[in-house]
Amino acid sequence: MQKTSKILVYGGAGQLGRKIISGFNNRNWETFSVVIAGSQHSGANFTIGINPSQNLNSQFNAIQNRLPTQQFDTIVCASGGWAGDSISDDSFLTNFEQMINCNVSASIVCAKLIPKYLLPGGLVVFVGSKAALQPTPTMVSYGVSKAAVHHLIGSIASDKNLPFGASVLGLVPETIDTETNRQAMPQADRSKWADPVSITNLIFRWADLPEKRPKNGSLIDPFESNGTVLFELD
């Protein structure tokens, strides 16, 4: 009997996370989702609610207590948020705390799941930002938080304790084409925005065909159908 492949999406109730879960459901994968307790249902086969106001150990334990025996072929951290600010803005420190929580803390908890829950040869995907590959003076808190995610990707990919044959990759879109972003930027040129369905297809390709994955630790712009590698580890 053929084994059913499993994916865990951290942030599965968000607009990108729901598309990923839907796409993998359609491909007959078993889908698991980590969401903020009480948020919109992600459509996953199995959903775990966490309280982001709790410390990271408590969040991790809440997930671990619901997944005592599961292991995954693919883990995706789709949690994230955006804020525009400079260091002169009154909102800067508040924004910074929010960006650390939704971009960095979520990625850190997701990273902690890897040693125990990722199968050998598995795939981990984090979402960074193309903008954060360079200075971001008009969105400092966002840029700092996404740069931290990029650093995390490289650090995990370089870890000798990563499950054998596993790959850790980062998606660094210019902007993801979600309804929230369309409402926030109604006059923006969306020609270079990354489509969530295309992102899902790219993740599935890497999950299904490991030989098609970029080099472990790479940062990839998902705008093109096969992705464009913008950074590789030495």
Protein backbone atom coordinates (compact mmCIF):
# COMPACT_ATOMS: atom_id res chain seq x y z
CA MET A 1 0.00 0.00 0.00
CA GLN A 2 1.44 3.39 -1.01
CA LYS A 3 2.25 5.76 1.85
CA THR A 4 0.17 8.93 2.06
CA SER A 5 2.39 12.00 1.94
CA LYS A 6 1.91 14.59 4.69
CA ILE A 7 2.41 18.35 4.81
CA LEU A 8 2.33 20.67 7.82
CA VAL A 9 1.55 24.32 7.08
CA TYR A 10 2.34 26.76 9.87
CA GLY A 11 0.01 29.71 9.35
CA GLY A 12 -2.48 27.63 7.41
CA ALA A 13 -5.42 29.97 7.98
CA GLY A 14 -3.76 32.87 6.17
CA GLN A 15 -4.40 33.66 2.52
CA LEU A 16 -1.23 31.92 1.31
CA GLY A 17 -1.55 29.05 3.78
CA ARG A 18 -5.10 28.23 2.67
CA LYS A 19 -4.02 28.10 -0.98
CA ILE A 20 -1.17 25.74 -0.13
CA ILE A 21 -3.44 23.45 1.87
CA SER A 22 -6.07 23.44 -0.87
CA GLY A 23 -3.48 22.64 -3.51
CA PHE A 24 -2.03 19.73 -1.54
CA ASN A 25 -5.52 18.45 -0.63
CA ASN A 26 -6.24 18.32 -4.37
CA ARG A 27 -3.12 16.20 -4.81
CA ASN A 28 -4.31 13.73 -2.15
CA TRP A 29 -1.76 14.70 0.48
CA GLU A 30 -2.77 14.58 4.14
CA THR A 31 -2.74 18.18 5.34
CA PHE A 32 -2.05 19.55 8.81
CA SER A 33 -2.33 23.19 9.80
CA VAL A 34 -1.11 25.30 12.72
CA VAL A 35 -3.31 28.38 13.19
CA ILE A 36 -4.08 31.03 15.78
CA ALA A 37 -6.79 29.57 17.99
CA GLY A 38 -10.23 30.74 16.87
CA SER A 39 -9.13 31.86 13.41
CA GLN A 40 -10.82 30.95 10.16
CA HIS A 41 -10.69 27.24 9.31
CA SER A 42 -7.81 26.42 6.99
CA GLY A 43 -9.43 23.48 5.18
CA ALA A 44 -6.75 21.10 6.42
CA ASN A 45 -7.49 17.52 7.42
CA PHE A 46 -6.13 18.27 10.90
CA THR A 47 -5.86 21.69 12.60
CA ILE A 48 -3.95 22.76 15.71
CA GLY A 49 -4.74 26.08 17.41
CA ILE A 50 -2.07 28.05 19.26
CA ASN A 51 -2.12 31.22 21.35
CA PRO A 52 0.54 33.66 20.03
CA SER A 53 0.44 35.62 23.28
CA GLN A 54 2.02 32.66 25.05
CA ASN A 55 5.77 32.20 25.15
CA LEU A 56 7.41 30.18 22.39
CA ASN A 57 7.94 27.09 24.54
CA SER A 58 4.21 27.01 25.30
CA GLN A 59 3.34 27.39 21.62
CA PHE A 60 5.74 24.62 20.65
CA ASN A 61 4.40 22.30 23.36
CA ALA A 62 0.81 22.95 22.23
CA ILE A 63 1.76 21.71 18.77
CA GLN A 64 3.86 18.83 20.03
CA ASN A 65 1.06 17.59 22.28
CA ARG A 66 -1.21 17.24 19.25
CA LEU A 67 1.42 15.58 17.03
CA PRO A 68 2.95 12.84 19.20
CA THR A 69 3.66 10.40 16.35
CA GLN A 70 3.30 12.32 13.09
CA GLN A 71 6.19 12.98 10.75
CA PHE A 72 6.00 15.07 7.60
CA ASP A 73 7.36 14.99 4.09
CA THR A 74 7.04 18.77 3.87
CA ILE A 75 6.81 21.62 6.38
CA VAL A 76 5.92 25.14 5.23
CA CYS A 77 5.93 28.29 7.33
CA ALA A 78 3.36 30.52 5.63
CA SER A 79 2.83 32.81 8.60
CA GLY A 80 3.74 36.44 8.08
CA GLY A 81 2.78 40.08 8.11
CA TRP A 82 3.82 43.50 6.80
CA ALA A 83 4.23 47.00 8.18
CA GLY A 84 5.61 50.19 6.68
CA ASP A 85 7.65 52.47 8.92
CA SER A 86 10.87 54.35 9.48
CA ILE A 87 12.77 54.82 12.72
CA SER A 88 11.20 58.30 13.00
CA ASP A 89 7.64 56.98 13.14
CA ASP A 90 5.76 56.83 16.44
CA SER A 91 4.54 53.36 15.41
CA PHE A 92 8.04 51.99 14.84
CA LEU A 93 8.52 50.10 18.12
CA THR A 94 4.98 48.72 18.13
CA ASN A 95 5.36 47.60 14.53
CA PHE A 96 8.68 46.00 15.31
CA GLU A 97 7.18 43.87 18.08
CA GLN A 98 4.37 42.80 15.73
CA MET A 99 6.78 41.90 12.91
CA ILE A 100 9.00 39.90 15.23
CA ASN A 101 5.96 38.00 16.46
CA CYS A 102 4.37 37.15 13.10
CA ASN A 103 7.51 36.78 10.97
CA VAL A 104 10.36 35.72 13.26
CA SER A 105 8.71 33.96 16.21
CA ALA A 106 6.47 31.89 13.94
CA SER A 107 9.49 30.84 11.87
CA ILE A 108 11.46 29.96 15.00
CA VAL A 109 8.71 27.70 16.36
CA CYS A 110 8.35 26.11 12.92
CA ALA A 111 12.12 25.55 12.81
CA LYS A 112 12.00 23.80 16.18
CA LEU A 113 9.62 21.24 14.69
CA ILE A 114 12.14 20.12 12.08
CA PRO A 115 14.42 17.79 14.10
CA LYS A 116 11.54 15.70 15.40
CA TYR A 117 8.88 15.98 12.71
CA LEU A 118 10.62 16.19 9.32
CA LEU A 119 11.27 12.92 7.50
CA PRO A 120 14.67 12.20 5.91
CA GLY A 121 14.69 13.65 2.42
CA GLY A 122 11.95 16.07 3.41
CA LEU A 123 11.39 19.69 2.41
CA VAL A 124 11.07 22.82 4.55
CA VAL A 125 9.99 26.13 3.03
CA PHE A 126 10.02 29.52 4.75
CA VAL A 127 8.73 32.80 3.31
CA GLY A 128 11.19 35.66 3.31
CA SER A 129 11.14 38.83 1.23
CA LYS A 130 12.93 40.06 -1.86
CA ALA A 131 12.86 43.57 -0.39
CA ALA A 132 14.78 42.42 2.69
CA LEU A 133 17.77 41.41 0.58
CA GLN A 134 18.67 45.11 0.64
CA PRO A 135 18.03 48.09 2.97
CA THR A 136 14.37 48.90 3.67
CA PRO A 137 14.32 52.47 5.10
CA THR A 138 10.55 52.84 4.62
CA MET A 139 9.69 49.49 6.22
CA VAL A 140 12.45 48.92 8.74
CA SER A 141 10.64 46.59 11.15
CA TYR A 142 9.43 44.37 8.31
CA GLY A 143 12.84 44.30 6.63
CA VAL A 144 14.66 43.40 9.85
CA SER A 145 12.22 40.59 10.59
CA LYS A 146 12.46 39.08 7.10
CA ALA A 147 16.26 39.40 7.09
CA ALA A 148 16.18 37.35 10.29
CA VAL A 149 14.14 34.68 8.46
CA HIS A 150 16.77 34.60 5.69
CA HIS A 151 19.48 34.09 8.30
CA LEU A 152 17.45 31.31 9.91
CA ILE A 153 17.11 29.51 6.56
CA GLY A 154 20.86 29.52 6.00
CA SER A 155 21.58 28.45 9.55
CA ILE A 156 19.20 25.46 9.42
CA ALA A 157 20.45 24.43 6.00
CA SER A 158 24.00 24.41 7.39
CA ASP A 159 23.07 22.36 10.46
CA LYS A 160 24.69 18.92 10.41
CA ASN A 161 21.77 17.58 12.45
CA LEU A 162 19.24 18.30 9.70
CA PRO A 163 17.49 15.04 8.72
CA PHE A 164 19.48 13.23 6.05
CA GLY A 165 18.78 14.45 2.52
CA ALA A 166 16.43 17.22 3.68
CA SER A 167 16.26 20.63 2.00
CA VAL A 168 15.53 24.01 3.58
CA LEU A 169 14.52 26.71 1.09
CA GLY A 170 13.29 30.28 1.27
CA LEU A 171 10.77 31.96 -0.99
CA VAL A 172 11.54 35.66 -1.42
CA PRO A 173 8.67 37.19 -3.41
CA GLU A 174 8.45 40.87 -4.23
CA THR A 175 4.79 40.80 -3.16
CA ILE A 176 2.30 37.95 -2.88
CA ASP A 177 -0.94 38.55 -4.77
CA THR A 178 -3.47 38.30 -1.95
CA GLU A 179 -6.71 40.17 -1.43
CA THR A 180 -5.20 41.96 1.57
CA ASN A 181 -2.29 43.26 -0.50
CA ARG A 182 -4.61 44.32 -3.32
CA GLN A 183 -6.72 46.33 -0.89
CA ALA A 184 -3.64 47.87 0.76
CA MET A 185 -2.02 48.80 -2.58
CA PRO A 186 -4.87 49.36 -5.07
CA GLN A 187 -2.72 51.40 -7.49
CA ALA A 188 0.31 49.08 -7.43
CA ASP A 189 1.70 47.36 -10.51
CA ARG A 190 0.82 43.72 -9.87
CA SER A 191 2.69 42.38 -12.90
CA LYS A 192 5.54 41.13 -10.71
CA TRP A 193 3.42 39.87 -7.83
CA ALA A 194 3.65 36.17 -7.03
CA ASP A 195 0.43 34.17 -7.40
CA PRO A 196 -0.32 31.93 -4.38
CA VAL A 197 -1.39 29.11 -6.71
CA SER A 198 1.93 29.33 -8.55
CA ILE A 199 3.75 29.31 -5.21
CA THR A 200 1.83 26.19 -4.24
CA ASN A 201 2.72 24.51 -7.53
CA LEU A 202 6.39 25.32 -7.00
CA ILE A 203 6.40 23.91 -3.47
CA PHE A 204 4.66 20.77 -4.69
CA ARG A 205 7.21 20.33 -7.47
CA TRP A 206 10.06 20.47 -4.97
CA ALA A 207 8.22 18.16 -2.57
CA ASP A 208 7.36 15.61 -5.25
CA LEU A 209 10.64 15.75 -7.20
CA PRO A 210 13.59 16.31 -4.84
CA GLU A 211 16.00 16.35 -7.78
CA LYS A 212 14.29 19.55 -8.99
CA ARG A 213 14.97 21.44 -5.76
CA PRO A 214 17.44 24.33 -5.72
CA LYS A 215 20.56 23.96 -3.60
CA ASN A 216 19.86 23.56 0.11
CA GLY A 217 19.67 26.99 1.78
CA SER A 218 18.76 28.89 -1.41
CA LEU A 219 16.50 31.94 -1.53
CA ILE A 220 14.18 31.83 -4.54
CA ASP A 221 11.97 34.45 -6.17
CA PRO A 222 8.76 32.48 -6.96
CA PHE A 223 7.48 34.83 -9.66
CA GLU A 224 8.69 32.60 -12.52
CA SER A 225 7.07 29.14 -12.75
CA ASN A 226 10.33 27.35 -11.87
CA GLY A 227 11.54 30.03 -9.46
CA THR A 228 14.63 32.23 -9.80
CA VAL A 229 17.46 31.54 -7.36
CA LEU A 230 18.64 34.87 -5.91
CA PHE A 231 21.04 33.51 -3.28
CA GLU A 232 22.88 30.23 -2.68
CA LEU A 233 24.95 29.14 0.30
CA ASP A 234 28.65 28.67 -0.42
